[in-house]
Amino acid sequence: MKKIFLDWLEQRSPQERITLSVGAACLVALLVWASLDWAASRQKRLERSVSTLSSELAAMRLQAEEIRRLRQIPPTPAARPETLAALRATAATHALALEVQPNGQDGFNVRGHGNFGRWVEWLAQVQTEHQLRPAQVVVVAAEGGVRVEASLVYGGR
């Protein structure tokens, strides 16, 4: 095969050989440039990928730490009937017309009306005695006091 190529090249004129040599040199240069360009672009893609993956790893480490922290928190106590009775009783002692209902496993829904100052006192007592805090409260001025709708949940949740 080499001999065939050399014979073929020998049959060409000197100008054709120069043209072929220059063309071959240009082709080699083009291939070298394309290889280097491909390698550089691949390097840039890898650097971006490493940067993105590093960010994702940092986020996953934060999430893992958050999961560890959350696993150490004791579970939320269930809404117990005795707590429900106590909430209703303290509302009555504060002269509040409140309807108190469990809202699933994590607390109570409160709805009713009464004096705003007594509502705040009742809420403070509930927080102290039952570790319930307001998650959402809507207080609207109404005739003879305020109308209240609230969701109370246990602890820091």
C-alpha atoms as a PDB file:
ATOM      1  CA  MET A   1       0.000   0.000   0.000  1.00  0.00           C
ATOM      2  CA  LYS A   2       2.853   2.349   0.869  1.00  0.00           C
ATOM      3  CA  LYS A   3       4.591   1.468  -2.407  1.00  0.00           C
ATOM      4  CA  ILE A   4       1.422   2.152  -4.376  1.00  0.00           C
ATOM      5  CA  PHE A   5       1.090   5.578  -2.746  1.00  0.00           C
ATOM      6  CA  LEU A   6       4.746   6.465  -3.337  1.00  0.00           C
ATOM      7  CA  ASP A   7       4.494   5.370  -6.989  1.00  0.00           C
ATOM      8  CA  TRP A   8       1.376   7.452  -7.401  1.00  0.00           C
ATOM      9  CA  LEU A   9       3.112  10.468  -5.820  1.00  0.00           C
ATOM     10  CA  GLU A  10       6.171  10.028  -8.083  1.00  0.00           C
ATOM     11  CA  GLN A  11       3.895  10.246 -11.103  1.00  0.00           C
ATOM     12  CA  ARG A  12       2.745  13.747 -10.062  1.00  0.00           C
ATOM     13  CA  SER A  13       4.408  16.925 -11.199  1.00  0.00           C
ATOM     14  CA  PRO A  14       6.445  18.959  -8.679  1.00  0.00           C
ATOM     15  CA  GLN A  15       3.669  21.589  -8.464  1.00  0.00           C
ATOM     16  CA  GLU A  16       1.071  18.905  -7.723  1.00  0.00           C
ATOM     17  CA  ARG A  17       3.316  17.406  -5.048  1.00  0.00           C
ATOM     18  CA  ILE A  18       3.732  20.830  -3.404  1.00  0.00           C
ATOM     19  CA  THR A  19      -0.021  21.417  -3.558  1.00  0.00           C
ATOM     20  CA  LEU A  20      -0.672  17.982  -2.075  1.00  0.00           C
ATOM     21  CA  SER A  21       1.945  18.590   0.633  1.00  0.00           C
ATOM     22  CA  VAL A  22       0.455  21.979   1.547  1.00  0.00           C
ATOM     23  CA  GLY A  23      -3.050  20.454   1.552  1.00  0.00           C
ATOM     24  CA  ALA A  24      -1.891  17.591   3.763  1.00  0.00           C
ATOM     25  CA  ALA A  25      -0.154  20.051   6.118  1.00  0.00           C
ATOM     26  CA  CYS A  26      -3.349  22.148   6.299  1.00  0.00           C
ATOM     27  CA  LEU A  27      -5.393  19.019   7.005  1.00  0.00           C
ATOM     28  CA  VAL A  28      -3.016  17.960   9.774  1.00  0.00           C
ATOM     29  CA  ALA A  29      -3.099  21.492  11.248  1.00  0.00           C
ATOM     30  CA  LEU A  30      -6.902  21.504  11.072  1.00  0.00           C
ATOM     31  CA  LEU A  31      -7.098  18.133  12.819  1.00  0.00           C
ATOM     32  CA  VAL A  32      -4.683  19.278  15.544  1.00  0.00           C
ATOM     33  CA  TRP A  33      -6.665  22.504  16.037  1.00  0.00           C
ATOM     34  CA  ALA A  34      -9.997  20.590  16.164  1.00  0.00           C
ATOM     35  CA  SER A  35      -8.567  18.161  18.719  1.00  0.00           C
ATOM     36  CA  LEU A  36      -7.255  20.956  20.916  1.00  0.00           C
ATOM     37  CA  ASP A  37     -10.509  22.905  20.626  1.00  0.00           C
ATOM     38  CA  TRP A  38     -12.547  19.818  21.508  1.00  0.00           C
ATOM     39  CA  ALA A  39     -10.291  19.132  24.507  1.00  0.00           C
ATOM     40  CA  ALA A  40     -10.616  22.749  25.710  1.00  0.00           C
ATOM     41  CA  SER A  41     -14.399  22.764  25.370  1.00  0.00           C
ATOM     42  CA  ARG A  42     -14.595  19.410  27.130  1.00  0.00           C
ATOM     43  CA  GLN A  43     -12.450  20.827  29.936  1.00  0.00           C
ATOM     44  CA  LYS A  44     -14.799  23.819  30.297  1.00  0.00           C
ATOM     45  CA  ARG A  45     -17.856  21.527  30.393  1.00  0.00           C
ATOM     46  CA  LEU A  46     -16.203  19.389  33.049  1.00  0.00           C
ATOM     47  CA  GLU A  47     -15.306  22.460  35.126  1.00  0.00           C
ATOM     48  CA  ARG A  48     -18.933  23.665  34.952  1.00  0.00           C
ATOM     49  CA  SER A  49     -20.118  20.183  35.832  1.00  0.00           C
ATOM     50  CA  VAL A  50     -17.782  19.980  38.820  1.00  0.00           C
ATOM     51  CA  SER A  51     -18.956  23.394  39.999  1.00  0.00           C
ATOM     52  CA  THR A  52     -22.602  22.368  39.711  1.00  0.00           C
ATOM     53  CA  LEU A  53     -21.989  19.045  41.413  1.00  0.00           C
ATOM     54  CA  SER A  54     -20.084  20.779  44.219  1.00  0.00           C
ATOM     55  CA  SER A  55     -23.035  23.082  44.805  1.00  0.00           C
ATOM     56  CA  GLU A  56     -25.425  20.143  44.798  1.00  0.00           C
ATOM     57  CA  LEU A  57     -23.192  18.275  47.243  1.00  0.00           C
ATOM     58  CA  ALA A  58     -23.141  21.258  49.587  1.00  0.00           C
ATOM     59  CA  ALA A  59     -26.944  21.473  49.405  1.00  0.00           C
ATOM     60  CA  MET A  60     -27.266  17.736  50.106  1.00  0.00           C
ATOM     61  CA  ARG A  61     -24.959  18.053  53.113  1.00  0.00           C
ATOM     62  CA  LEU A  62     -27.140  20.856  54.471  1.00  0.00           C
ATOM     63  CA  GLN A  63     -30.236  18.750  53.889  1.00  0.00           C
ATOM     64  CA  ALA A  64     -28.632  15.769  55.625  1.00  0.00           C
ATOM     65  CA  GLU A  65     -27.785  17.977  58.601  1.00  0.00           C
ATOM     66  CA  GLU A  66     -31.374  19.249  58.667  1.00  0.00           C
ATOM     67  CA  ILE A  67     -32.657  15.661  58.583  1.00  0.00           C
ATOM     68  CA  ARG A  68     -30.364  14.733  61.496  1.00  0.00           C
ATOM     69  CA  ARG A  69     -31.594  17.759  63.429  1.00  0.00           C
ATOM     70  CA  LEU A  70     -35.248  16.976  62.729  1.00  0.00           C
ATOM     71  CA  ARG A  71     -34.825  13.355  63.781  1.00  0.00           C
ATOM     72  CA  GLN A  72     -33.632  14.558  67.190  1.00  0.00           C
ATOM     73  CA  ILE A  73     -36.803  16.597  67.771  1.00  0.00           C
ATOM     74  CA  PRO A  74     -39.383  14.624  69.713  1.00  0.00           C
ATOM     75  CA  PRO A  75     -42.619  13.947  67.845  1.00  0.00           C
ATOM     76  CA  THR A  76     -45.503  16.351  68.209  1.00  0.00           C
ATOM     77  CA  PRO A  77     -47.965  15.212  70.859  1.00  0.00           C
ATOM     78  CA  ALA A  78     -51.386  14.279  69.580  1.00  0.00           C
ATOM     79  CA  ALA A  79     -54.363  16.507  70.315  1.00  0.00           C
ATOM     80  CA  ARG A  80     -55.551  14.849  73.530  1.00  0.00           C
ATOM     81  CA  PRO A  81     -59.173  14.921  74.734  1.00  0.00           C
ATOM     82  CA  GLU A  82     -58.101  16.240  78.152  1.00  0.00           C
ATOM     83  CA  THR A  83     -56.343  19.169  76.466  1.00  0.00           C
ATOM     84  CA  LEU A  84     -59.484  19.856  74.449  1.00  0.00           C
ATOM     85  CA  ALA A  85     -61.559  19.893  77.638  1.00  0.00           C
ATOM     86  CA  ALA A  86     -59.038  22.155  79.367  1.00  0.00           C
ATOM     87  CA  LEU A  87     -59.033  24.625  76.455  1.00  0.00           C
ATOM     88  CA  ARG A  88     -62.828  24.808  76.503  1.00  0.00           C
ATOM     89  CA  ALA A  89     -62.863  25.265  80.288  1.00  0.00           C
ATOM     90  CA  THR A  90     -60.275  28.058  80.269  1.00  0.00           C
ATOM     91  CA  ALA A  91     -62.168  29.802  77.463  1.00  0.00           C
ATOM     92  CA  ALA A  92     -65.281  29.753  79.645  1.00  0.00           C
ATOM     93  CA  THR A  93     -63.368  31.136  82.653  1.00  0.00           C
ATOM     94  CA  HIS A  94     -62.163  34.017  80.453  1.00  0.00           C
ATOM     95  CA  ALA A  95     -65.781  34.679  79.365  1.00  0.00           C
ATOM     96  CA  LEU A  96     -65.002  33.818  75.755  1.00  0.00           C
ATOM     97  CA  ALA A  97     -67.516  32.127  73.466  1.00  0.00           C
ATOM     98  CA  LEU A  98     -65.038  29.877  71.675  1.00  0.00           C
ATOM     99  CA  GLU A  99     -65.570  26.667  69.750  1.00  0.00           C
ATOM    100  CA  VAL A 100     -62.456  24.485  70.047  1.00  0.00           C
ATOM    101  CA  GLN A 101     -61.993  21.435  67.776  1.00  0.00           C
ATOM    102  CA  PRO A 102     -59.009  19.158  67.121  1.00  0.00           C
ATOM    103  CA  ASN A 103     -57.406  19.779  63.711  1.00  0.00           C
ATOM    104  CA  GLY A 104     -55.959  16.368  63.087  1.00  0.00           C
ATOM    105  CA  GLN A 105     -52.873  15.252  64.988  1.00  0.00           C
ATOM    106  CA  ASP A 106     -51.017  18.479  65.675  1.00  0.00           C
ATOM    107  CA  GLY A 107     -53.318  20.935  67.420  1.00  0.00           C
ATOM    108  CA  PHE A 108     -56.686  22.672  67.543  1.00  0.00           C
ATOM    109  CA  ASN A 109     -58.847  25.056  65.558  1.00  0.00           C
ATOM    110  CA  VAL A 110     -60.463  27.843  67.554  1.00  0.00           C
ATOM    111  CA  ARG A 111     -63.375  29.978  66.424  1.00  0.00           C
ATOM    112  CA  GLY A 112     -65.614  32.367  68.307  1.00  0.00           C
ATOM    113  CA  HIS A 113     -65.972  35.854  69.737  1.00  0.00           C
ATOM    114  CA  GLY A 114     -65.253  37.825  72.883  1.00  0.00           C
ATOM    115  CA  ASN A 115     -63.187  40.602  74.408  1.00  0.00           C
ATOM    116  CA  PHE A 116     -59.772  41.058  72.727  1.00  0.00           C
ATOM    117  CA  GLY A 117     -57.897  41.478  76.035  1.00  0.00           C
ATOM    118  CA  ARG A 118     -59.423  38.293  77.417  1.00  0.00           C
ATOM    119  CA  TRP A 119     -58.572  36.490  74.159  1.00  0.00           C
ATOM    120  CA  VAL A 120     -54.913  37.493  74.535  1.00  0.00           C
ATOM    121  CA  GLU A 121     -54.901  36.391  78.207  1.00  0.00           C
ATOM    122  CA  TRP A 122     -56.482  33.052  77.227  1.00  0.00           C
ATOM    123  CA  LEU A 123     -53.926  32.555  74.461  1.00  0.00           C
ATOM    124  CA  ALA A 124     -51.040  33.298  76.868  1.00  0.00           C
ATOM    125  CA  GLN A 125     -52.418  30.759  79.336  1.00  0.00           C
ATOM    126  CA  VAL A 126     -52.819  28.151  76.580  1.00  0.00           C
ATOM    127  CA  GLN A 127     -49.224  28.696  75.458  1.00  0.00           C
ATOM    128  CA  THR A 128     -47.908  28.380  79.013  1.00  0.00           C
ATOM    129  CA  GLU A 129     -49.985  25.434  80.196  1.00  0.00           C
ATOM    130  CA  HIS A 130     -50.334  23.364  77.020  1.00  0.00           C
ATOM    131  CA  GLN A 131     -47.328  24.423  74.883  1.00  0.00           C
ATOM    132  CA  LEU A 132     -49.700  25.413  72.066  1.00  0.00           C
ATOM    133  CA  ARG A 133     -48.769  28.334  69.874  1.00  0.00           C
ATOM    134  CA  PRO A 134     -50.779  30.132  67.232  1.00  0.00           C
ATOM    135  CA  ALA A 135     -49.893  29.000  63.710  1.00  0.00           C
ATOM    136  CA  GLN A 136     -52.500  31.225  62.104  1.00  0.00           C
ATOM    137  CA  VAL A 137     -54.800  33.821  63.665  1.00  0.00           C
ATOM    138  CA  VAL A 138     -57.485  36.012  62.141  1.00  0.00           C
ATOM    139  CA  VAL A 139     -58.965  38.633  64.464  1.00  0.00           C
ATOM    140  CA  VAL A 140     -61.726  40.891  63.181  1.00  0.00           C
ATOM    141  CA  ALA A 141     -63.437  43.671  65.091  1.00  0.00           C
ATOM    142  CA  ALA A 142     -67.049  42.758  65.756  1.00  0.00           C
ATOM    143  CA  GLU A 143     -69.907  44.127  67.790  1.00  0.00           C
ATOM    144  CA  GLY A 144     -69.062  43.720  71.474  1.00  0.00           C
ATOM    145  CA  GLY A 145     -65.416  42.691  70.932  1.00  0.00           C
ATOM    146  CA  VAL A 146     -63.656  40.627  68.304  1.00  0.00           C
ATOM    147  CA  ARG A 147     -64.341  37.588  66.160  1.00  0.00           C
ATOM    148  CA  VAL A 148     -61.468  35.109  66.221  1.00  0.00           C
ATOM    149  CA  GLU A 149     -60.403  32.203  64.015  1.00  0.00           C
ATOM    150  CA  ALA A 150     -57.134  30.536  64.965  1.00  0.00           C
ATOM    151  CA  SER A 151     -55.120  27.404  64.466  1.00  0.00           C
ATOM    152  CA  LEU A 152     -53.073  26.358  67.500  1.00  0.00           C
ATOM    153  CA  VAL A 153     -50.242  23.845  67.173  1.00  0.00           C
ATOM    154  CA  TYR A 154     -47.861  22.222  69.610  1.00  0.00           C
ATOM    155  CA  GLY A 155     -44.394  23.541  70.360  1.00  0.00           C
ATOM    156  CA  GLY A 156     -42.090  25.077  67.764  1.00  0.00           C
ATOM    157  CA  ARG A 157     -43.772  23.592  64.712  1.00  0.00           C
END
